Amino acid sequence: MADSAADLIVLRPEGLYCPPGDFHIDPWKPVPRAVITHAHADHARRGHGAYLATAISAGVLRARLGDITLQGLAYGETVVRHGVTISLHPAGHVLGSAQVRVEHGGQVWVASGDYFVSGHADDHNRTCAPFESVRCDCFITESTFGLPIYRWAPQAAVMADIDAWWQANAAAGRTSLLLGYSFGKAQRLLAGVDERIGPIHVHGAVEPLNEAYRAAGVALPPTRKLDARDKVVDLRRALVVAPPSVLGSAWARKLGDCSDAFASGWMQSRGARRRHGVDRGFVLSDHADWPGLQRAIAATGAERVIVTHGYEAVMVRWLGDQGLQAGSFSTEFGTADAEAPALPSLAPAADAQSLAV
């Protein structure tokens, strides 16, 4: 999409950039000032001079990025840089995730980052603040699951299926290995399962993030870190939550007789389930499904929408059919999740204060 001189956010080689404010949003190359939507690695990188993000995400950001210069904001709190007013608003994706609202010269733009809005009313991610609609002139939306095939079942139904799978394995004296991203998905799964079924163990990559969630006030069941150096532990009724990278590893083989399952939006595709070679696939995503994307975009009231990070061409086409001015930004990341299948051919590859970023 060609830049207009009046555009508040444009695409530069380093990432999304606000020219009047002189800062970037989720840049993938080192920059002096970065506004970060959330702490996933494809949005929060090392090497920036200074960072602005939600205060509640500070623990996770520092755990992942180390000793960074970070200014934390409460949701809805404003800062001003070069006359540009910036505020952060809940995205419902993971702990501390935010949309970035930028106001300058009578215009309001919102960069969504990744967000979760279900196609079902009041069905939000319980481990973080729910998505907040922000009115704007231009909305930059992700489109990770921007195809009509992606429609999520109510979360309660998915969690009930996971509990039934775990219960059946426990009854058979078999370990249940549940795979999900260490940050965000793992905590959402832990918050949703029935801890009365059996003990819960987690991979070493998951437990530090559990601690950050608990420190932020998110209720999670008791978990024990399962270290590769541990002596043999009786896991016959246990649920073990781990990142998908453990599949086929020596760590996973130490679990003995187990049933494995993967929780992800990509599990909607039978091909994705086959490729991962797991016993079960549970369709649970931290991103909006197709109806959720539609609801979120409509609620902004934006007449212009810029699509990024996913199935851009499909969403742009649909938006145009709705009479909206639509275009796309092609970021460094074709899709937001590392487990995503290849894109199909129809898709192109409080008081104002000075901003300390």
Protein backbone atom coordinates (compact mmCIF):
# COMPACT_ATOMS: atom_id res chain seq x y z
CA MET A 1 0.00 0.00 0.00
CA ALA A 2 1.43 3.36 -1.01
CA ASP A 3 2.03 5.87 1.79
CA SER A 4 0.01 9.07 1.96
CA ALA A 5 1.68 12.14 3.46
CA ALA A 6 -1.19 12.28 5.96
CA ASP A 7 -0.93 8.64 7.10
CA LEU A 8 -0.26 8.27 10.82
CA ILE A 9 1.28 4.81 10.46
CA VAL A 10 3.31 3.62 7.49
CA LEU A 11 5.38 0.57 6.66
CA ARG A 12 9.15 0.94 6.81
CA PRO A 13 11.92 -1.69 6.51
CA GLU A 14 12.13 -1.83 10.32
CA GLY A 15 8.37 -2.28 10.76
CA LEU A 16 5.31 -0.09 11.30
CA TYR A 17 6.31 3.55 11.83
CA CYS A 18 4.52 6.71 13.01
CA PRO A 19 6.23 9.62 11.17
CA PRO A 20 4.90 12.55 13.27
CA GLY A 21 5.64 10.73 16.55
CA ASP A 22 8.93 9.20 15.39
CA PHE A 23 8.38 5.75 16.90
CA HIS A 24 7.79 2.23 15.62
CA ILE A 25 5.18 -0.36 16.56
CA ASP A 26 6.38 -3.96 16.98
CA PRO A 27 9.47 -3.39 14.81
CA TRP A 28 11.46 -6.42 13.71
CA LYS A 29 14.73 -4.51 13.33
CA PRO A 30 16.43 -2.42 16.07
CA VAL A 31 15.02 1.10 16.40
CA PRO A 32 15.43 3.95 18.95
CA ARG A 33 11.80 3.87 20.20
CA ALA A 34 9.44 0.89 20.05
CA VAL A 35 5.82 0.57 21.14
CA ILE A 36 5.18 -3.12 21.80
CA THR A 37 1.73 -4.71 21.58
CA HIS A 38 2.69 -7.89 23.46
CA ALA A 39 5.60 -10.14 24.39
CA HIS A 40 5.44 -12.84 21.71
CA ALA A 41 8.76 -13.08 19.90
CA ASP A 42 7.41 -11.93 16.55
CA HIS A 43 6.26 -8.65 18.14
CA ALA A 44 8.83 -8.01 20.89
CA ARG A 45 12.47 -8.12 19.81
CA ARG A 46 15.74 -7.37 21.58
CA GLY A 47 17.88 -4.44 20.54
CA HIS A 48 15.58 -1.41 20.67
CA GLY A 49 16.72 1.71 22.48
CA ALA A 50 13.59 2.06 24.62
CA TYR A 51 10.27 0.28 24.90
CA LEU A 52 6.69 1.32 25.68
CA ALA A 53 4.18 -1.39 26.59
CA THR A 54 1.47 -2.16 29.10
CA ALA A 55 2.62 -2.17 32.72
CA ILE A 56 1.06 -5.59 33.27
CA SER A 57 3.23 -7.09 30.52
CA ALA A 58 6.50 -5.83 32.06
CA GLY A 59 7.26 -9.09 33.88
CA VAL A 60 6.89 -11.22 30.78
CA LEU A 61 8.77 -8.74 28.57
CA ARG A 62 11.74 -8.62 30.92
CA ALA A 63 11.70 -12.40 31.33
CA ARG A 64 11.98 -12.71 27.56
CA LEU A 65 14.13 -9.70 26.62
CA GLY A 66 16.27 -9.14 29.69
CA ASP A 67 17.19 -5.74 31.16
CA ILE A 68 15.43 -3.33 28.79
CA THR A 69 14.52 0.35 29.16
CA LEU A 70 10.78 -0.01 29.56
CA GLN A 71 7.98 2.45 30.27
CA GLY A 72 4.75 0.72 31.32
CA LEU A 73 1.29 2.19 30.85
CA ALA A 74 -2.05 1.23 32.34
CA TYR A 75 -4.72 0.44 29.79
CA GLY A 76 -6.22 3.72 28.58
CA GLU A 77 -3.44 5.89 30.02
CA THR A 78 -2.06 8.41 27.53
CA VAL A 79 1.37 9.70 26.66
CA VAL A 80 2.31 12.36 24.11
CA ARG A 81 5.30 12.46 21.81
CA HIS A 82 5.77 15.31 19.31
CA GLY A 83 2.07 16.12 19.57
CA VAL A 84 0.99 12.50 18.96
CA THR A 85 -1.23 11.04 21.69
CA ILE A 86 -0.64 7.34 22.31
CA SER A 87 -2.67 4.95 24.44
CA LEU A 88 -2.86 1.17 24.84
CA HIS A 89 -6.12 -0.81 24.94
CA PRO A 90 -6.85 -4.48 25.69
CA ALA A 91 -6.47 -6.93 22.82
CA GLY A 92 -7.59 -10.11 24.61
CA HIS A 93 -4.72 -12.13 23.14
CA VAL A 94 -2.27 -12.85 26.00
CA LEU A 95 -1.29 -11.22 29.31
CA GLY A 96 -0.74 -7.50 28.72
CA SER A 97 -1.56 -7.59 25.02
CA ALA A 98 -2.67 -4.24 23.63
CA GLN A 99 -3.92 -2.36 20.64
CA VAL A 100 -2.07 0.90 19.99
CA ARG A 101 -4.26 3.99 19.56
CA VAL A 102 -2.53 6.93 17.87
CA GLU A 103 -4.16 10.39 17.58
CA HIS A 104 -2.75 13.37 15.71
CA GLY A 105 -4.06 16.17 13.50
CA GLY A 106 -7.69 15.19 13.95
CA GLN A 107 -7.09 11.56 12.93
CA VAL A 108 -7.25 8.40 15.04
CA TRP A 109 -5.51 5.23 13.94
CA VAL A 110 -5.42 1.91 15.81
CA ALA A 111 -2.85 -0.84 15.25
CA SER A 112 -4.39 -4.00 16.66
CA GLY A 113 -1.38 -6.27 17.12
CA ASP A 114 -2.74 -9.78 17.66
CA TYR A 115 -6.18 -9.97 19.24
CA PHE A 116 -8.86 -12.42 20.29
CA VAL A 117 -12.52 -11.80 19.64
CA SER A 118 -14.67 -14.89 19.48
CA GLY A 119 -17.55 -15.31 17.11
CA HIS A 120 -19.54 -16.02 20.28
CA ALA A 121 -20.62 -13.08 22.44
CA ASP A 122 -18.92 -12.81 25.86
CA ASP A 123 -16.54 -15.68 25.08
CA HIS A 124 -13.19 -14.11 25.98
CA ASN A 125 -9.77 -15.31 27.10
CA ARG A 126 -9.99 -15.50 30.91
CA THR A 127 -6.25 -15.12 31.45
CA CYS A 128 -6.09 -11.52 30.19
CA ALA A 129 -8.22 -8.40 29.81
CA PRO A 130 -10.89 -8.90 27.12
CA PHE A 131 -10.69 -7.14 23.77
CA GLU A 132 -11.90 -3.53 23.84
CA SER A 133 -13.35 -1.96 20.71
CA VAL A 134 -11.68 1.38 19.94
CA ARG A 135 -13.31 3.78 17.50
CA CYS A 136 -10.95 5.05 14.83
CA ASP A 137 -10.62 6.38 11.30
CA CYS A 138 -8.20 3.65 10.22
CA PHE A 139 -7.80 0.20 11.75
CA ILE A 140 -4.72 -1.94 11.14
CA THR A 141 -5.93 -5.48 11.73
CA GLU A 142 -4.18 -8.81 11.91
CA SER A 143 -5.65 -11.63 9.79
CA THR A 144 -3.94 -14.76 11.11
CA PHE A 145 -7.13 -16.76 10.68
CA GLY A 146 -8.68 -14.57 8.01
CA LEU A 147 -10.47 -17.32 6.10
CA PRO A 148 -14.16 -18.31 6.40
CA ILE A 149 -13.21 -21.88 7.41
CA TYR A 150 -11.90 -20.63 10.77
CA ARG A 151 -14.82 -20.51 13.21
CA TRP A 152 -14.14 -21.37 16.84
CA ALA A 153 -16.44 -23.43 19.06
CA PRO A 154 -17.23 -21.93 22.48
CA GLN A 155 -14.19 -22.26 24.74
CA ALA A 156 -16.15 -24.10 27.44
CA ALA A 157 -16.93 -26.87 24.94
CA VAL A 158 -13.25 -27.20 23.93
CA MET A 159 -12.11 -27.32 27.55
CA ALA A 160 -14.72 -30.01 28.27
CA ASP A 161 -13.28 -32.08 25.41
CA ILE A 162 -9.76 -31.66 26.81
CA ASP A 163 -10.94 -32.72 30.27
CA ALA A 164 -12.67 -35.80 28.82
CA TRP A 165 -9.48 -36.79 26.95
CA TRP A 166 -7.38 -36.32 30.11
CA GLN A 167 -9.91 -38.24 32.23
CA ALA A 168 -9.92 -41.18 29.81
CA ASN A 169 -6.13 -41.31 29.77
CA ALA A 170 -5.98 -41.12 33.56
CA ALA A 171 -8.44 -43.99 33.85
CA ALA A 172 -6.18 -46.04 31.58
CA GLY A 173 -3.06 -45.14 33.59
CA ARG A 174 -1.64 -43.09 30.73
CA THR A 175 0.07 -39.69 30.80
CA SER A 176 -1.63 -36.83 28.93
CA LEU A 177 0.84 -34.60 27.06
CA LEU A 178 -0.90 -31.37 26.03
CA LEU A 179 1.05 -29.15 23.64
CA GLY A 180 0.63 -25.39 23.44
CA TYR A 181 2.82 -22.31 23.24
CA SER A 182 4.72 -21.60 26.47
CA PHE A 183 3.45 -18.01 26.66
CA GLY A 184 -0.28 -17.48 26.47
CA LYS A 185 -1.69 -20.78 25.26
CA ALA A 186 -0.21 -22.86 28.09
CA GLN A 187 -1.64 -20.54 30.75
CA ARG A 188 -5.02 -20.43 29.04
CA LEU A 189 -5.13 -24.22 29.02
CA LEU A 190 -4.09 -24.43 32.68
CA ALA A 191 -6.76 -21.91 33.68
CA GLY A 192 -9.44 -23.91 31.85
CA VAL A 193 -8.81 -27.55 32.75
CA ASP A 194 -10.33 -29.39 35.73
CA GLU A 195 -7.43 -29.75 38.18
CA ARG A 196 -9.37 -32.38 40.15
CA ILE A 197 -8.64 -35.01 37.49
CA GLY A 198 -4.99 -35.39 38.47
CA PRO A 199 -1.64 -33.69 39.07
CA ILE A 200 -0.41 -31.10 36.59
CA HIS A 201 3.21 -30.86 35.46
CA VAL A 202 4.73 -28.36 33.04
CA HIS A 203 7.84 -28.08 30.91
CA GLY A 204 10.64 -25.84 32.16
CA ALA A 205 9.84 -23.24 29.50
CA VAL A 206 6.29 -22.89 30.81
CA GLU A 207 6.76 -22.45 34.55
CA PRO A 208 8.53 -19.03 34.53
CA LEU A 209 5.65 -17.66 32.50
CA ASN A 210 3.14 -19.23 34.89
CA GLU A 211 4.91 -17.29 37.65
CA ALA A 212 4.56 -14.04 35.69
CA TYR A 213 0.84 -14.69 35.22
CA ARG A 214 0.34 -15.47 38.90
CA ALA A 215 2.26 -12.31 39.85
CA ALA A 216 -0.15 -10.36 37.65
CA GLY A 217 -3.14 -11.82 39.53
CA VAL A 218 -4.17 -14.56 37.09
CA ALA A 219 -5.46 -17.66 38.89
CA LEU A 220 -3.74 -20.86 37.73
CA PRO A 221 -3.83 -24.32 39.34
CA PRO A 222 -0.74 -25.61 41.15
CA THR A 223 1.89 -26.92 38.71
CA ARG A 224 5.20 -28.71 39.09
CA LYS A 225 8.08 -28.09 36.70
CA LEU A 226 9.15 -31.34 35.06
CA ASP A 227 12.89 -31.19 34.56
CA ALA A 228 14.74 -33.60 32.30
CA ARG A 229 17.15 -34.29 35.18
CA ASP A 230 14.36 -35.30 37.57
CA LYS A 231 14.17 -38.86 38.78
CA VAL A 232 11.28 -40.92 37.45
CA VAL A 233 7.96 -39.37 38.48
CA ASP A 234 4.64 -41.21 38.47
CA LEU A 235 2.74 -39.48 35.66
CA ARG A 236 0.10 -42.12 35.02
CA ARG A 237 -2.79 -39.75 35.86
CA ALA A 238 -0.96 -36.53 35.15
CA LEU A 239 -1.49 -33.77 32.66
CA VAL A 240 1.80 -32.47 31.24
CA VAL A 241 1.70 -29.09 29.47
CA ALA A 242 4.62 -28.36 27.17
CA PRO A 243 5.53 -26.40 24.02
CA PRO A 244 5.11 -28.18 20.67
CA SER A 245 8.88 -28.27 20.16
CA VAL A 246 9.10 -31.25 22.57
CA LEU A 247 7.42 -33.61 20.10
CA GLY A 248 9.79 -36.50 19.41
CA SER A 249 12.39 -35.22 21.87
CA ALA A 250 14.25 -37.16 24.56
CA TRP A 251 12.32 -35.09 27.11
CA ALA A 252 9.01 -36.36 25.73
CA ARG A 253 10.20 -39.95 25.54
CA LYS A 254 10.91 -39.87 29.28
CA LEU A 255 7.18 -39.51 29.87
CA GLY A 256 6.66 -43.17 28.96
CA ASP A 257 3.23 -44.34 27.85
CA CYS A 258 1.33 -41.19 26.96
CA SER A 259 -1.28 -39.74 24.66
CA ASP A 260 -0.36 -36.44 23.01
CA ALA A 261 -2.57 -33.59 21.84
CA PHE A 262 -2.04 -30.17 20.31
CA ALA A 263 -4.21 -27.13 21.19
CA SER A 264 -4.19 -24.55 18.39
CA GLY A 265 -6.46 -22.82 15.93
CA TRP A 266 -4.57 -24.59 13.16
CA MET A 267 -6.04 -27.87 14.39
CA GLN A 268 -9.21 -26.87 12.52
CA SER A 269 -7.36 -28.23 9.48
CA ARG A 270 -7.13 -32.02 9.24
CA GLY A 271 -3.93 -31.60 7.24
CA ALA A 272 -2.31 -29.74 10.14
CA ARG A 273 -3.29 -32.51 12.53
CA ARG A 274 -1.75 -35.12 10.23
CA ARG A 275 1.47 -33.16 9.80
CA HIS A 276 2.00 -32.87 13.54
CA GLY A 277 1.28 -36.56 14.10
CA VAL A 278 -0.50 -36.15 17.41
CA ASP A 279 -3.28 -38.31 18.81
CA ARG A 280 -5.70 -35.42 19.21
CA GLY A 281 -6.07 -31.87 17.98
CA PHE A 282 -8.07 -29.35 20.02
CA VAL A 283 -9.17 -26.21 18.17
CA LEU A 284 -8.33 -23.39 20.57
CA SER A 285 -6.80 -20.13 19.39
CA ASP A 286 -5.68 -16.86 20.95
CA HIS A 287 -6.56 -15.07 17.71
CA ALA A 288 -9.91 -13.96 16.30
CA ASP A 289 -11.73 -16.35 14.01
CA TRP A 290 -13.40 -15.17 10.80
CA PRO A 291 -16.62 -13.94 12.49
CA GLY A 292 -14.52 -12.42 15.28
CA LEU A 293 -12.43 -10.44 12.80
CA GLN A 294 -15.61 -9.15 11.18
CA ARG A 295 -17.09 -8.12 14.53
CA ALA A 296 -13.90 -6.37 15.62
CA ILE A 297 -13.50 -4.42 12.39
CA ALA A 298 -17.14 -3.33 12.31
CA ALA A 299 -17.02 -2.15 15.93
CA THR A 300 -14.22 0.31 15.18
CA GLY A 301 -16.39 2.27 12.74
CA ALA A 302 -13.29 2.69 10.56
CA GLU A 303 -13.81 3.56 6.92
CA ARG A 304 -10.26 2.49 6.10
CA VAL A 305 -8.76 -0.86 7.08
CA ILE A 306 -5.20 -2.08 6.57
CA VAL A 307 -4.73 -5.83 6.81
CA THR A 308 -1.51 -7.48 7.95
CA HIS A 309 0.00 -10.64 9.38
CA GLY A 310 -1.89 -13.46 7.72
CA TYR A 311 -4.42 -14.00 4.95
CA GLU A 312 -4.20 -10.43 3.71
CA ALA A 313 -5.59 -10.74 0.18
CA VAL A 314 -8.68 -12.63 1.30
CA MET A 315 -9.55 -10.09 3.97
CA VAL A 316 -8.83 -7.11 1.70
CA ARG A 317 -11.14 -8.57 -0.93
CA TRP A 318 -13.94 -9.11 1.60
CA LEU A 319 -13.53 -5.60 3.07
CA GLY A 320 -13.73 -4.08 -0.38
CA ASP A 321 -16.96 -5.96 -0.99
CA GLN A 322 -18.32 -4.28 2.17
CA GLY A 323 -17.60 -0.86 0.70
CA LEU A 324 -14.57 -0.12 2.86
CA GLN A 325 -11.26 1.33 1.70
CA ALA A 326 -8.91 -1.59 2.22
CA GLY A 327 -5.24 -2.34 1.68
CA SER A 328 -2.46 -4.38 3.25
CA PHE A 329 0.93 -4.20 4.90
CA SER A 330 3.16 -7.20 4.26
CA THR A 331 5.23 -7.71 7.39
CA GLU A 332 8.26 -9.90 7.96
CA PHE A 333 5.88 -12.57 9.22
CA GLY A 334 3.40 -14.20 6.86
CA THR A 335 1.45 -15.72 9.73
CA ALA A 336 1.67 -15.07 13.45
CA ASP A 337 2.07 -18.65 14.61
CA ALA A 338 5.05 -20.86 13.90
CA GLU A 339 2.83 -23.94 13.59
CA ALA A 340 0.76 -22.42 10.78
CA PRO A 341 0.39 -24.26 7.51
CA ALA A 342 1.54 -22.58 4.33
CA LEU A 343 -0.77 -19.87 3.08
CA PRO A 344 -2.98 -20.93 0.16
CA SER A 345 -2.46 -19.49 -3.28
CA LEU A 346 -5.25 -16.94 -2.88
CA ALA A 347 -3.23 -15.12 -0.18
CA PRO A 348 -0.05 -13.08 -0.91
CA ALA A 349 2.80 -14.48 0.44
CA ALA A 350 -4.42 9.14 32.50
CA ASP A 351 -2.66 12.56 32.15
CA ALA A 352 -0.51 13.19 29.16
CA GLN A 353 3.19 12.84 29.88
CA SER A 354 6.36 12.69 27.88
CA LEU A 355 6.96 9.38 26.15
CA ALA A 356 10.09 7.74 27.53
CA VAL A 357 10.70 5.61 24.48
